[in-house]
């Protein structure tokens, strides 16, 4: 791929539009996934209109908790994706393919979420299925980070981030999901609680010096 500085203005404009469309499409898919998460709660709300709200919320507390957990997880993925793509000035079909597969798992996440929080508390199978999907999402995000880091022609020449800055956060996130799967094999609750480590990884990543994103 030619250097962006030597690319005709019309070609740079076309690539810029393609990149903008890819970012907008990714944001839209994640918005849809977040919307799908709340649909089971809508069904619960209409299950028995005469039931007191507090009683209904107590009865379906696991489903409500599942919604909150997966909403926060997808929101973290959205933030990671935004930071990862912040300094892209171009993209190719391979990166688009990896991103599309990543979005496929994002939009699929409401299904294992619903299964997880509608099963018995001692059912480890549903928890492992849920965590495997999260691990797949994290692994594909890591693939994106690695691919972008290995192809500097796709990035703004003024991007000051090092290889470590780009890849380390996604390595940490994927490692948390792998740890959660291992812990779930021993104890389901311990495995799910270990997802709280995501916030530790996120905080560690945020403390590293980062450039301001472009508007």
N, C-alpha and C. Protein backbone atom coordinates (compact mmCIF):
# COMPACT_ATOMS: atom_id res chain seq x y z
N UNK A 1 0.86 -1.20 0.00
CA UNK A 1 0.00 0.00 0.00
C UNK A 1 0.89 1.23 0.00
N UNK A 2 0.53 2.20 -0.82
CA UNK A 2 1.37 3.39 -0.97
C UNK A 2 1.27 4.29 0.24
N UNK A 3 2.29 5.11 0.38
CA UNK A 3 2.30 6.07 1.48
C UNK A 3 1.18 7.08 1.28
N UNK A 4 0.38 7.36 2.36
CA UNK A 4 -0.74 8.28 2.22
C UNK A 4 -0.34 9.63 1.67
N UNK A 5 0.90 10.08 1.97
CA UNK A 5 1.33 11.40 1.50
C UNK A 5 1.47 11.44 -0.02
N UNK A 6 1.77 10.26 -0.62
CA UNK A 6 1.92 10.22 -2.06
C UNK A 6 0.69 9.76 -2.80
N UNK A 7 -0.41 9.60 -2.08
CA UNK A 7 -1.65 9.14 -2.67
C UNK A 7 -2.44 10.34 -3.19
N UNK A 8 -3.03 10.23 -4.37
CA UNK A 8 -3.85 11.33 -4.89
C UNK A 8 -4.95 11.72 -3.91
N UNK A 9 -5.33 13.00 -3.95
CA UNK A 9 -6.32 13.50 -3.00
C UNK A 9 -7.64 12.75 -3.12
N UNK A 10 -8.04 12.41 -4.34
CA UNK A 10 -9.30 11.70 -4.53
C UNK A 10 -9.28 10.32 -3.89
N UNK A 11 -8.12 9.64 -3.98
CA UNK A 11 -7.98 8.32 -3.38
C UNK A 11 -7.99 8.42 -1.86
N UNK A 12 -7.29 9.41 -1.31
CA UNK A 12 -7.30 9.61 0.15
C UNK A 12 -8.70 9.92 0.64
N UNK A 13 -9.45 10.70 -0.12
CA UNK A 13 -10.82 11.03 0.28
C UNK A 13 -11.70 9.78 0.25
N UNK A 14 -11.52 8.94 -0.76
CA UNK A 14 -12.31 7.72 -0.84
C UNK A 14 -12.01 6.79 0.33
N UNK A 15 -10.72 6.64 0.64
CA UNK A 15 -10.35 5.79 1.76
C UNK A 15 -10.85 6.36 3.09
N UNK A 16 -10.82 7.68 3.19
CA UNK A 16 -11.33 8.31 4.40
C UNK A 16 -12.81 8.05 4.59
N UNK A 17 -13.58 8.09 3.50
CA UNK A 17 -15.01 7.80 3.59
C UNK A 17 -15.25 6.34 3.99
N UNK A 18 -14.43 5.43 3.44
CA UNK A 18 -14.56 4.02 3.79
C UNK A 18 -14.27 3.79 5.27
N UNK A 19 -13.24 4.45 5.78
CA UNK A 19 -12.90 4.32 7.19
C UNK A 19 -14.02 4.88 8.06
N UNK A 20 -14.56 6.04 7.70
CA UNK A 20 -15.66 6.63 8.47
C UNK A 20 -16.88 5.70 8.49
N UNK A 21 -17.17 5.09 7.34
CA UNK A 21 -18.31 4.18 7.29
C UNK A 21 -18.08 2.95 8.15
N UNK A 22 -16.85 2.44 8.17
CA UNK A 22 -16.53 1.27 8.99
C UNK A 22 -16.68 1.59 10.48
N UNK A 23 -16.23 2.77 10.89
CA UNK A 23 -16.36 3.19 12.29
C UNK A 23 -17.83 3.37 12.65
N UNK A 24 -18.60 4.03 11.77
CA UNK A 24 -20.02 4.25 12.03
C UNK A 24 -20.78 2.92 12.10
N UNK A 25 -20.42 1.99 11.20
CA UNK A 25 -21.07 0.68 11.21
C UNK A 25 -20.77 -0.06 12.51
N UNK A 26 -19.52 -0.01 12.96
CA UNK A 26 -19.14 -0.68 14.21
C UNK A 26 -19.91 -0.09 15.39
N UNK A 27 -19.99 1.23 15.45
CA UNK A 27 -20.75 1.88 16.53
C UNK A 27 -22.21 1.47 16.49
N UNK A 28 -22.79 1.37 15.29
CA UNK A 28 -24.20 1.01 15.15
C UNK A 28 -24.45 -0.43 15.62
N UNK A 29 -23.54 -1.34 15.26
CA UNK A 29 -23.70 -2.74 15.68
C UNK A 29 -23.62 -2.86 17.19
N UNK A 30 -22.69 -2.14 17.81
CA UNK A 30 -22.59 -2.20 19.27
C UNK A 30 -23.83 -1.58 19.92
N UNK A 31 -24.40 -0.55 19.32
CA UNK A 31 -25.64 0.02 19.84
C UNK A 31 -26.78 -0.99 19.77
N UNK A 32 -26.84 -1.73 18.67
CA UNK A 32 -27.87 -2.76 18.53
C UNK A 32 -27.69 -3.85 19.58
N UNK A 33 -26.44 -4.26 19.79
CA UNK A 33 -26.17 -5.29 20.80
C UNK A 33 -26.60 -4.83 22.19
N UNK A 34 -26.35 -3.57 22.51
CA UNK A 34 -26.77 -3.04 23.81
C UNK A 34 -28.29 -3.01 23.91
N UNK A 35 -28.95 -2.70 22.80
CA UNK A 35 -30.42 -2.68 22.79
C UNK A 35 -30.98 -4.08 22.99
N UNK A 36 -30.37 -5.07 22.33
CA UNK A 36 -30.86 -6.44 22.46
C UNK A 36 -30.77 -6.94 23.89
N UNK A 37 -29.78 -6.45 24.64
CA UNK A 37 -29.62 -6.90 26.02
C UNK A 37 -30.85 -6.60 26.87
N UNK A 38 -31.53 -5.50 26.57
CA UNK A 38 -32.63 -5.07 27.43
C UNK A 38 -33.95 -5.74 27.05
N UNK A 39 -34.03 -6.40 25.90
CA UNK A 39 -35.29 -6.99 25.46
C UNK A 39 -35.85 -8.02 26.44
N UNK A 40 -35.02 -8.92 27.04
CA UNK A 40 -35.58 -9.83 28.04
C UNK A 40 -36.20 -9.11 29.23
N UNK A 41 -35.64 -7.95 29.60
CA UNK A 41 -36.23 -7.19 30.71
C UNK A 41 -37.58 -6.59 30.30
N UNK A 42 -37.71 -6.24 29.02
CA UNK A 42 -39.00 -5.74 28.54
C UNK A 42 -40.05 -6.84 28.63
N UNK A 43 -39.67 -8.08 28.28
CA UNK A 43 -40.61 -9.20 28.40
C UNK A 43 -41.01 -9.43 29.85
N UNK A 44 -40.04 -9.27 30.76
CA UNK A 44 -40.34 -9.43 32.19
C UNK A 44 -41.34 -8.37 32.64
N UNK A 45 -41.15 -7.14 32.18
CA UNK A 45 -42.03 -6.04 32.60
C UNK A 45 -43.47 -6.27 32.19
N UNK A 46 -43.67 -6.99 31.07
CA UNK A 46 -45.04 -7.23 30.59
C UNK A 46 -45.55 -8.62 31.00
N UNK A 47 -44.75 -9.36 31.77
CA UNK A 47 -45.13 -10.71 32.17
C UNK A 47 -46.37 -10.70 33.06
N UNK A 48 -46.40 -9.79 34.01
CA UNK A 48 -47.55 -9.68 34.92
C UNK A 48 -47.70 -8.21 35.30
N UNK A 49 -48.47 -7.44 34.52
CA UNK A 49 -48.60 -6.00 34.77
C UNK A 49 -49.13 -5.66 36.15
N UNK A 50 -49.82 -6.60 36.79
CA UNK A 50 -50.39 -6.33 38.10
C UNK A 50 -49.41 -6.56 39.24
N UNK A 51 -48.29 -7.19 38.96
CA UNK A 51 -47.31 -7.49 40.00
C UNK A 51 -46.58 -6.22 40.42
N UNK A 52 -46.40 -5.98 41.71
CA UNK A 52 -45.65 -4.80 42.16
C UNK A 52 -44.24 -4.78 41.57
N UNK A 53 -43.77 -3.59 41.24
CA UNK A 53 -42.48 -3.45 40.57
C UNK A 53 -41.34 -4.01 41.41
N UNK A 54 -41.33 -3.68 42.71
CA UNK A 54 -40.24 -4.15 43.56
C UNK A 54 -40.23 -5.67 43.65
N UNK A 55 -41.39 -6.28 43.71
CA UNK A 55 -41.47 -7.74 43.78
C UNK A 55 -40.97 -8.35 42.48
N UNK A 56 -41.34 -7.72 41.37
CA UNK A 56 -40.91 -8.23 40.07
C UNK A 56 -39.40 -8.11 39.90
N UNK A 57 -38.84 -6.98 40.32
CA UNK A 57 -37.40 -6.79 40.22
C UNK A 57 -36.65 -7.79 41.09
N UNK A 58 -37.20 -8.10 42.26
CA UNK A 58 -36.57 -9.07 43.14
C UNK A 58 -36.63 -10.47 42.52
N UNK A 59 -37.75 -10.80 41.90
CA UNK A 59 -37.92 -12.12 41.31
C UNK A 59 -37.00 -12.34 40.11
N UNK A 60 -36.73 -11.28 39.38
CA UNK A 60 -35.90 -11.39 38.19
C UNK A 60 -34.55 -10.67 38.36
N UNK A 61 -34.09 -10.64 39.61
CA UNK A 61 -32.80 -9.97 39.89
C UNK A 61 -31.65 -10.55 39.08
N UNK A 62 -31.55 -11.89 38.90
CA UNK A 62 -30.43 -12.42 38.10
C UNK A 62 -30.42 -11.89 36.66
N UNK A 63 -31.59 -11.79 36.03
CA UNK A 63 -31.66 -11.27 34.67
C UNK A 63 -31.26 -9.80 34.62
N UNK A 64 -31.69 -9.03 35.62
CA UNK A 64 -31.32 -7.61 35.67
C UNK A 64 -29.81 -7.47 35.88
N UNK A 65 -29.25 -8.33 36.74
CA UNK A 65 -27.81 -8.30 36.97
C UNK A 65 -27.05 -8.65 35.69
N UNK A 66 -27.56 -9.64 34.96
CA UNK A 66 -26.93 -10.03 33.70
C UNK A 66 -26.92 -8.90 32.70
N UNK A 67 -28.02 -8.14 32.66
CA UNK A 67 -28.09 -6.99 31.76
C UNK A 67 -27.02 -5.97 32.11
N UNK A 68 -26.88 -5.66 33.40
CA UNK A 68 -25.91 -4.65 33.83
C UNK A 68 -24.48 -5.10 33.51
N UNK A 69 -24.18 -6.38 33.82
CA UNK A 69 -22.83 -6.89 33.58
C UNK A 69 -22.47 -6.82 32.11
N UNK A 70 -23.35 -7.34 31.25
CA UNK A 70 -23.03 -7.37 29.82
C UNK A 70 -23.04 -5.98 29.21
N UNK A 71 -23.88 -5.08 29.72
CA UNK A 71 -23.87 -3.70 29.24
C UNK A 71 -22.51 -3.07 29.51
N UNK A 72 -21.99 -3.27 30.72
CA UNK A 72 -20.70 -2.69 31.08
C UNK A 72 -19.57 -3.32 30.27
N UNK A 73 -19.67 -4.64 30.02
CA UNK A 73 -18.63 -5.32 29.25
C UNK A 73 -18.59 -4.79 27.81
N UNK A 74 -19.78 -4.69 27.17
CA UNK A 74 -19.82 -4.18 25.80
C UNK A 74 -19.37 -2.73 25.75
N UNK A 75 -19.75 -1.94 26.76
CA UNK A 75 -19.31 -0.55 26.81
C UNK A 75 -17.79 -0.46 26.90
N UNK A 76 -17.17 -1.38 27.65
CA UNK A 76 -15.71 -1.39 27.73
C UNK A 76 -15.11 -1.76 26.38
N UNK A 77 -15.72 -2.71 25.70
CA UNK A 77 -15.23 -3.08 24.37
C UNK A 77 -15.37 -1.92 23.40
N UNK A 78 -16.46 -1.19 23.51
CA UNK A 78 -16.63 -0.03 22.63
C UNK A 78 -15.53 1.00 22.87
N UNK A 79 -15.22 1.25 24.14
CA UNK A 79 -14.16 2.19 24.47
C UNK A 79 -12.81 1.72 23.95
N UNK A 80 -12.53 0.42 24.07
CA UNK A 80 -11.27 -0.11 23.57
C UNK A 80 -11.19 0.01 22.05
N UNK A 81 -12.29 -0.26 21.39
CA UNK A 81 -12.33 -0.15 19.92
C UNK A 81 -12.12 1.30 19.49
N UNK A 82 -12.76 2.23 20.19
CA UNK A 82 -12.62 3.65 19.85
C UNK A 82 -11.17 4.09 19.99
N UNK A 83 -10.50 3.68 21.08
CA UNK A 83 -9.11 4.08 21.28
C UNK A 83 -8.19 3.42 20.25
N UNK A 84 -8.50 2.16 19.92
CA UNK A 84 -7.66 1.43 18.98
C UNK A 84 -7.71 2.02 17.58
N UNK A 85 -8.90 2.49 17.18
CA UNK A 85 -9.08 3.02 15.83
C UNK A 85 -8.89 4.54 15.76
N UNK A 86 -8.56 5.18 16.87
CA UNK A 86 -8.52 6.64 16.92
C UNK A 86 -7.53 7.24 15.93
N UNK A 87 -6.40 6.56 15.70
CA UNK A 87 -5.36 7.13 14.84
C UNK A 87 -5.27 6.42 13.49
N UNK A 88 -6.30 5.68 13.12
CA UNK A 88 -6.31 5.09 11.78
C UNK A 88 -6.61 6.15 10.73
N UNK A 89 -5.88 6.09 9.63
CA UNK A 89 -6.17 6.97 8.49
C UNK A 89 -6.54 6.14 7.26
N UNK A 90 -6.41 4.81 7.38
CA UNK A 90 -6.72 3.92 6.27
C UNK A 90 -7.04 2.55 6.84
N UNK A 91 -7.60 1.67 6.02
CA UNK A 91 -7.85 0.30 6.43
C UNK A 91 -7.85 -0.57 5.19
N UNK A 92 -7.70 -1.89 5.43
CA UNK A 92 -7.72 -2.82 4.31
C UNK A 92 -8.73 -3.92 4.59
N UNK A 93 -8.86 -4.86 3.63
CA UNK A 93 -9.88 -5.89 3.74
C UNK A 93 -9.61 -6.84 4.90
N UNK A 94 -8.36 -7.09 5.21
CA UNK A 94 -8.06 -8.01 6.32
C UNK A 94 -8.51 -7.41 7.65
N UNK A 95 -8.23 -6.15 7.87
CA UNK A 95 -8.67 -5.51 9.10
C UNK A 95 -10.19 -5.46 9.16
N UNK A 96 -10.82 -5.18 8.03
CA UNK A 96 -12.28 -5.17 7.99
C UNK A 96 -12.85 -6.55 8.33
N UNK A 97 -12.20 -7.61 7.84
CA UNK A 97 -12.67 -8.97 8.12
C UNK A 97 -12.57 -9.29 9.61
N UNK A 98 -11.42 -8.95 10.21
CA UNK A 98 -11.25 -9.19 11.65
C UNK A 98 -12.30 -8.41 12.43
N UNK A 99 -12.52 -7.15 12.05
CA UNK A 99 -13.49 -6.32 12.75
C UNK A 99 -14.91 -6.86 12.59
N UNK A 100 -15.22 -7.39 11.42
CA UNK A 100 -16.56 -7.95 11.19
C UNK A 100 -16.80 -9.18 12.06
N UNK A 101 -15.79 -10.05 12.17
CA UNK A 101 -15.91 -11.21 13.04
C UNK A 101 -16.07 -10.79 14.50
N UNK A 102 -15.35 -9.76 14.88
CA UNK A 102 -15.46 -9.22 16.24
C UNK A 102 -16.87 -8.71 16.50
N UNK A 103 -17.43 -7.99 15.53
CA UNK A 103 -18.80 -7.48 15.67
C UNK A 103 -19.82 -8.61 15.72
N UNK A 104 -19.54 -9.70 14.99
CA UNK A 104 -20.43 -10.86 15.02
C UNK A 104 -20.58 -11.39 16.44
N UNK A 105 -19.47 -11.52 17.16
CA UNK A 105 -19.54 -12.01 18.53
C UNK A 105 -20.15 -10.98 19.47
N UNK A 106 -19.91 -9.70 19.20
CA UNK A 106 -20.52 -8.64 20.03
C UNK A 106 -22.04 -8.74 19.96
N UNK A 107 -22.58 -8.85 18.75
CA UNK A 107 -24.03 -8.86 18.59
C UNK A 107 -24.63 -10.20 19.03
N UNK A 108 -23.79 -11.25 19.10
CA UNK A 108 -24.24 -12.56 19.58
C UNK A 108 -24.28 -12.63 21.10
N UNK A 109 -23.56 -11.74 21.77
CA UNK A 109 -23.40 -11.82 23.23
C UNK A 109 -24.71 -11.83 24.01
N UNK A 110 -25.77 -11.13 23.58
CA UNK A 110 -27.02 -11.20 24.35
C UNK A 110 -27.57 -12.62 24.53
N UNK A 111 -27.29 -13.51 23.58
CA UNK A 111 -27.80 -14.89 23.71
C UNK A 111 -27.15 -15.64 24.88
N UNK A 112 -25.80 -15.76 24.94
CA UNK A 112 -25.22 -16.42 26.11
C UNK A 112 -25.50 -15.68 27.41
N UNK A 113 -25.70 -14.36 27.32
CA UNK A 113 -26.06 -13.60 28.53
C UNK A 113 -27.40 -14.06 29.06
N UNK A 114 -28.39 -14.18 28.16
CA UNK A 114 -29.72 -14.62 28.58
C UNK A 114 -29.68 -16.05 29.13
N UNK A 115 -28.88 -16.92 28.50
CA UNK A 115 -28.76 -18.30 28.99
C UNK A 115 -28.11 -18.33 30.36
N UNK A 116 -27.08 -17.52 30.54
CA UNK A 116 -26.33 -17.53 31.80
C UNK A 116 -27.22 -17.17 32.98
N UNK A 117 -27.99 -16.10 32.85
CA UNK A 117 -28.74 -15.59 33.99
C UNK A 117 -30.16 -16.11 34.06
N UNK A 118 -30.48 -17.13 33.24
CA UNK A 118 -31.78 -17.80 33.37
C UNK A 118 -31.61 -19.24 33.82
N UNK A 119 -30.37 -19.65 34.12
CA UNK A 119 -30.10 -21.01 34.58
C UNK A 119 -29.86 -21.01 36.08
N UNK A 120 -29.75 -22.21 36.62
CA UNK A 120 -29.49 -22.35 38.05
C UNK A 120 -28.09 -21.82 38.39
N UNK A 121 -27.95 -21.35 39.61
CA UNK A 121 -26.70 -20.72 40.03
C UNK A 121 -25.52 -21.69 40.03
N UNK A 122 -25.81 -23.00 40.07
CA UNK A 122 -24.71 -23.97 40.08
C UNK A 122 -24.42 -24.56 38.71
N UNK A 123 -25.03 -24.00 37.66
CA UNK A 123 -24.81 -24.50 36.30
C UNK A 123 -23.57 -23.82 35.71
N UNK A 124 -22.47 -24.57 35.69
CA UNK A 124 -21.22 -24.01 35.18
C UNK A 124 -21.18 -23.98 33.66
N UNK A 125 -21.96 -24.83 33.00
CA UNK A 125 -21.92 -24.90 31.54
C UNK A 125 -22.30 -23.60 30.87
N UNK A 126 -23.39 -22.98 31.34
CA UNK A 126 -23.83 -21.71 30.76
C UNK A 126 -22.80 -20.61 31.01
N UNK A 127 -22.16 -20.65 32.18
CA UNK A 127 -21.14 -19.64 32.50
C UNK A 127 -19.92 -19.79 31.60
N UNK A 128 -19.50 -21.03 31.36
CA UNK A 128 -18.34 -21.26 30.50
C UNK A 128 -18.65 -20.82 29.07
N UNK A 129 -19.87 -21.13 28.60
CA UNK A 129 -20.28 -20.70 27.26
C UNK A 129 -20.21 -19.18 27.14
N UNK A 130 -20.74 -18.49 28.14
CA UNK A 130 -20.72 -17.02 28.17
C UNK A 130 -19.29 -16.50 28.15
N UNK A 131 -18.42 -17.10 28.97
CA UNK A 131 -17.04 -16.63 29.06
C UNK A 131 -16.24 -16.97 27.80
N UNK A 132 -16.57 -18.08 27.15
CA UNK A 132 -15.90 -18.41 25.90
C UNK A 132 -16.20 -17.38 24.81
N UNK A 133 -17.45 -16.90 24.78
CA UNK A 133 -17.81 -15.86 23.82
C UNK A 133 -17.02 -14.58 24.15
N UNK A 134 -16.94 -14.23 25.43
CA UNK A 134 -16.15 -13.06 25.82
C UNK A 134 -14.68 -13.23 25.46
N UNK A 135 -14.16 -14.44 25.67
CA UNK A 135 -12.77 -14.70 25.31
C UNK A 135 -12.56 -14.53 23.81
N UNK A 136 -13.52 -15.00 23.01
CA UNK A 136 -13.43 -14.83 21.56
C UNK A 136 -13.43 -13.36 21.16
N UNK A 137 -14.28 -12.57 21.83
CA UNK A 137 -14.32 -11.13 21.55
C UNK A 137 -12.97 -10.48 21.90
N UNK A 138 -12.44 -10.86 23.07
CA UNK A 138 -11.16 -10.31 23.48
C UNK A 138 -10.03 -10.72 22.55
N UNK A 139 -10.05 -11.98 22.09
CA UNK A 139 -8.99 -12.47 21.20
C UNK A 139 -9.03 -11.75 19.85
N UNK A 140 -10.24 -11.50 19.34
CA UNK A 140 -10.36 -10.79 18.07
C UNK A 140 -9.96 -9.31 18.21
N UNK A 141 -10.23 -8.74 19.38
CA UNK A 141 -9.75 -7.38 19.63
C UNK A 141 -8.23 -7.35 19.68
N UNK A 142 -7.63 -8.38 20.27
CA UNK A 142 -6.18 -8.49 20.30
C UNK A 142 -5.62 -8.63 18.88
N UNK A 143 -6.31 -9.40 18.04
CA UNK A 143 -5.88 -9.54 16.64
C UNK A 143 -5.91 -8.19 15.93
N UNK A 144 -6.95 -7.41 16.18
CA UNK A 144 -7.02 -6.08 15.58
C UNK A 144 -5.86 -5.20 16.04
N UNK A 145 -5.61 -5.21 17.35
CA UNK A 145 -4.54 -4.39 17.89
C UNK A 145 -3.19 -4.79 17.29
N UNK A 146 -2.95 -6.09 17.18
CA UNK A 146 -1.69 -6.57 16.63
C UNK A 146 -1.58 -6.20 15.15
N UNK A 147 -2.66 -6.36 14.41
CA UNK A 147 -2.62 -6.07 12.97
C UNK A 147 -2.36 -4.58 12.73
N UNK A 148 -3.03 -3.73 13.50
CA UNK A 148 -2.82 -2.29 13.34
C UNK A 148 -1.39 -1.91 13.72
N UNK A 149 -0.89 -2.52 14.79
CA UNK A 149 0.48 -2.21 15.21
C UNK A 149 1.50 -2.65 14.17
N UNK A 150 1.22 -3.75 13.46
CA UNK A 150 2.15 -4.29 12.48
C UNK A 150 2.03 -3.63 11.10
N UNK A 151 1.05 -2.76 10.94
CA UNK A 151 0.86 -2.09 9.65
C UNK A 151 0.81 -0.57 9.88
N UNK A 152 1.97 0.03 10.06
CA UNK A 152 2.02 1.48 10.34
C UNK A 152 1.47 2.32 9.21
N UNK A 153 1.37 1.77 7.98
CA UNK A 153 0.83 2.55 6.88
C UNK A 153 -0.66 2.84 7.05
N UNK A 154 -1.31 2.10 7.96
CA UNK A 154 -2.73 2.34 8.22
C UNK A 154 -2.94 3.44 9.25
N UNK A 155 -1.88 3.85 9.95
CA UNK A 155 -2.00 4.78 11.05
C UNK A 155 -1.51 6.17 10.66
N UNK A 156 -1.98 7.13 11.40
CA UNK A 156 -1.49 8.49 11.26
C UNK A 156 0.00 8.51 11.59
N UNK A 157 0.83 9.13 10.75
CA UNK A 157 2.27 9.19 11.06
C UNK A 157 2.57 9.86 12.39
N UNK A 158 1.64 10.69 12.88
CA UNK A 158 1.85 11.39 14.15
C UNK A 158 1.38 10.57 15.35
N UNK A 159 0.95 9.33 15.11
CA UNK A 159 0.50 8.47 16.21
C UNK A 159 1.69 8.17 17.12
N UNK A 160 1.69 8.67 18.37
CA UNK A 160 2.85 8.50 19.24
C UNK A 160 2.83 7.21 20.05
N UNK A 161 1.79 6.39 19.89
CA UNK A 161 1.68 5.19 20.71
C UNK A 161 2.68 4.13 20.28
N UNK A 162 3.27 3.48 21.27
CA UNK A 162 4.20 2.40 21.00
C UNK A 162 3.43 1.10 20.79
N UNK A 163 4.14 0.07 20.34
CA UNK A 163 3.53 -1.25 20.17
C UNK A 163 2.94 -1.73 21.48
N UNK A 164 3.64 -1.49 22.57
CA UNK A 164 3.17 -1.92 23.88
C UNK A 164 1.89 -1.20 24.27
N UNK A 165 1.84 0.10 24.01
CA UNK A 165 0.64 0.87 24.35
C UNK A 165 -0.60 0.37 23.62
N UNK A 166 -0.42 -0.10 22.39
CA UNK A 166 -1.55 -0.53 21.60
C UNK A 166 -2.02 -1.94 21.94
N UNK A 167 -1.07 -2.81 22.29
CA UNK A 167 -1.40 -4.23 22.45
C UNK A 167 -1.64 -4.63 23.90
N UNK A 168 -0.91 -4.02 24.84
CA UNK A 168 -0.98 -4.45 26.24
C UNK A 168 -2.39 -4.46 26.81
N UNK A 169 -3.23 -3.42 26.59
CA UNK A 169 -4.58 -3.46 27.17
C UNK A 169 -5.41 -4.65 26.68
N UNK A 170 -5.30 -4.99 25.39
CA UNK A 170 -6.08 -6.11 24.87
C UNK A 170 -5.54 -7.45 25.36
N UNK A 171 -4.23 -7.53 25.59
CA UNK A 171 -3.66 -8.74 26.18
C UNK A 171 -4.21 -8.94 27.59
N UNK A 172 -4.27 -7.84 28.37
CA UNK A 172 -4.79 -7.93 29.73
C UNK A 172 -6.25 -8.36 29.76
N UNK A 173 -7.05 -7.79 28.87
CA UNK A 173 -8.48 -8.13 28.82
C UNK A 173 -8.68 -9.60 28.46
N UNK A 174 -7.97 -10.08 27.45
CA UNK A 174 -8.10 -11.47 27.03
C UNK A 174 -7.64 -12.42 28.13
N UNK A 175 -6.59 -12.03 28.85
CA UNK A 175 -6.08 -12.85 29.95
C UNK A 175 -7.12 -12.97 31.07
N UNK A 176 -7.85 -11.89 31.34
CA UNK A 176 -8.90 -11.93 32.36
C UNK A 176 -9.97 -12.95 31.99
N UNK A 177 -10.37 -12.96 30.72
CA UNK A 177 -11.39 -13.92 30.28
C UNK A 177 -10.89 -15.36 30.38
N UNK A 178 -9.62 -15.57 30.03
CA UNK A 178 -9.05 -16.91 30.15
C UNK A 178 -9.01 -17.36 31.61
N UNK A 179 -8.62 -16.45 32.50
CA UNK A 179 -8.60 -16.76 33.93
C UNK A 179 -10.01 -17.07 34.44
N UNK A 180 -10.99 -16.30 33.99
CA UNK A 180 -12.37 -16.51 34.42
C UNK A 180 -12.87 -17.89 34.01
N UNK A 181 -12.50 -18.34 32.81
CA UNK A 181 -12.91 -19.68 32.36
C UNK A 181 -12.30 -20.75 33.25
N UNK A 182 -11.03 -20.61 33.57
CA UNK A 182 -10.36 -21.59 34.43
C UNK A 182 -10.99 -21.63 35.82
N UNK A 183 -11.28 -20.45 36.38
CA UNK A 183 -11.88 -20.41 37.71
C UNK A 183 -13.29 -20.98 37.71
N UNK A 184 -14.02 -20.78 36.61
CA UNK A 184 -15.39 -21.29 36.53
C UNK A 184 -15.42 -22.81 36.55
N UNK A 185 -14.36 -23.44 36.04
CA UNK A 185 -14.29 -24.90 36.09
C UNK A 185 -14.26 -25.41 37.53
N UNK A 186 -13.79 -24.53 38.43
CA UNK A 186 -13.74 -24.88 39.85
C UNK A 186 -14.97 -24.37 40.59
N UNK A 187 -15.30 -23.11 40.35
CA UNK A 187 -16.45 -22.48 41.03
C UNK A 187 -17.04 -21.42 40.11
N UNK A 188 -18.31 -21.57 39.78
CA UNK A 188 -18.96 -20.65 38.83
C UNK A 188 -18.92 -19.21 39.32
N UNK A 189 -19.27 -18.99 40.57
CA UNK A 189 -19.34 -17.63 41.10
C UNK A 189 -17.97 -16.96 41.11
N UNK A 190 -16.93 -17.74 41.45
CA UNK A 190 -15.58 -17.19 41.46
C UNK A 190 -15.17 -16.76 40.06
N UNK A 191 -15.53 -17.58 39.07
CA UNK A 191 -15.19 -17.24 37.70
C UNK A 191 -15.87 -15.96 37.24
N UNK A 192 -17.15 -15.82 37.55
CA UNK A 192 -17.87 -14.62 37.12
C UNK A 192 -17.39 -13.38 37.87
N UNK A 193 -17.10 -13.54 39.16
CA UNK A 193 -16.61 -12.40 39.94
C UNK A 193 -15.25 -11.93 39.46
N UNK A 194 -14.47 -12.84 38.89
CA UNK A 194 -13.15 -12.45 38.41
C UNK A 194 -13.23 -11.46 37.25
N UNK A 195 -14.41 -11.32 36.64
CA UNK A 195 -14.58 -10.33 35.57
C UNK A 195 -14.38 -8.91 36.09
N UNK A 196 -14.48 -8.74 37.41
CA UNK A 196 -14.23 -7.42 37.98
C UNK A 196 -12.80 -6.95 37.71
N UNK A 197 -11.92 -7.91 37.43
CA UNK A 197 -10.54 -7.55 37.10
C UNK A 197 -10.47 -6.72 35.82
N UNK A 198 -11.51 -6.78 35.00
CA UNK A 198 -11.53 -5.96 33.79
C UNK A 198 -11.39 -4.48 34.13
N UNK A 199 -12.01 -4.07 35.24
CA UNK A 199 -11.94 -2.66 35.62
C UNK A 199 -10.53 -2.30 36.10
N UNK A 200 -9.83 -3.26 36.69
CA UNK A 200 -8.44 -3.04 37.08
C UNK A 200 -7.57 -2.86 35.84
N UNK A 201 -7.78 -3.73 34.86
CA UNK A 201 -7.02 -3.64 33.60
C UNK A 201 -7.32 -2.31 32.91
N UNK A 202 -8.60 -1.93 32.91
CA UNK A 202 -9.01 -0.69 32.26
C UNK A 202 -8.35 0.51 32.95
N UNK A 203 -8.33 0.48 34.27
CA UNK A 203 -7.74 1.60 35.02
C UNK A 203 -6.23 1.67 34.79
N UNK A 204 -5.58 0.51 34.74
CA UNK A 204 -4.15 0.47 34.48
C UNK A 204 -3.85 1.05 33.10
N UNK A 205 -4.67 0.68 32.13
CA UNK A 205 -4.47 1.17 30.76
C UNK A 205 -4.69 2.67 30.69
N UNK A 206 -5.70 3.16 31.42
CA UNK A 206 -6.02 4.59 31.38
C UNK A 206 -4.93 5.42 32.03
N UNK A 207 -4.17 4.83 32.96
CA UNK A 207 -3.12 5.58 33.63
C UNK A 207 -1.87 5.73 32.78
N UNK A 208 -1.76 4.90 31.73
CA UNK A 208 -0.60 5.04 30.85
C UNK A 208 -0.76 6.31 30.03
N UNK A 209 0.32 7.00 29.74
CA UNK A 209 0.22 8.24 28.96
C UNK A 209 -0.40 7.97 27.60
N UNK A 210 -1.47 8.72 27.27
CA UNK A 210 -2.16 8.54 26.01
C UNK A 210 -2.37 9.88 25.35
N UNK A 211 -2.23 9.93 24.05
CA UNK A 211 -2.48 11.17 23.35
C UNK A 211 -3.96 11.44 23.28
N UNK A 212 -4.31 12.71 23.08
CA UNK A 212 -5.72 13.04 22.90
C UNK A 212 -6.18 12.53 21.55
N UNK A 213 -7.41 11.99 21.52
CA UNK A 213 -7.97 11.50 20.26
C UNK A 213 -8.41 12.68 19.42
N UNK A 214 -8.36 12.45 18.12
CA UNK A 214 -8.76 13.49 17.20
C UNK A 214 -10.28 13.62 17.18
N UNK A 215 -10.77 14.81 16.96
CA UNK A 215 -12.20 15.02 16.85
C UNK A 215 -12.68 14.56 15.49
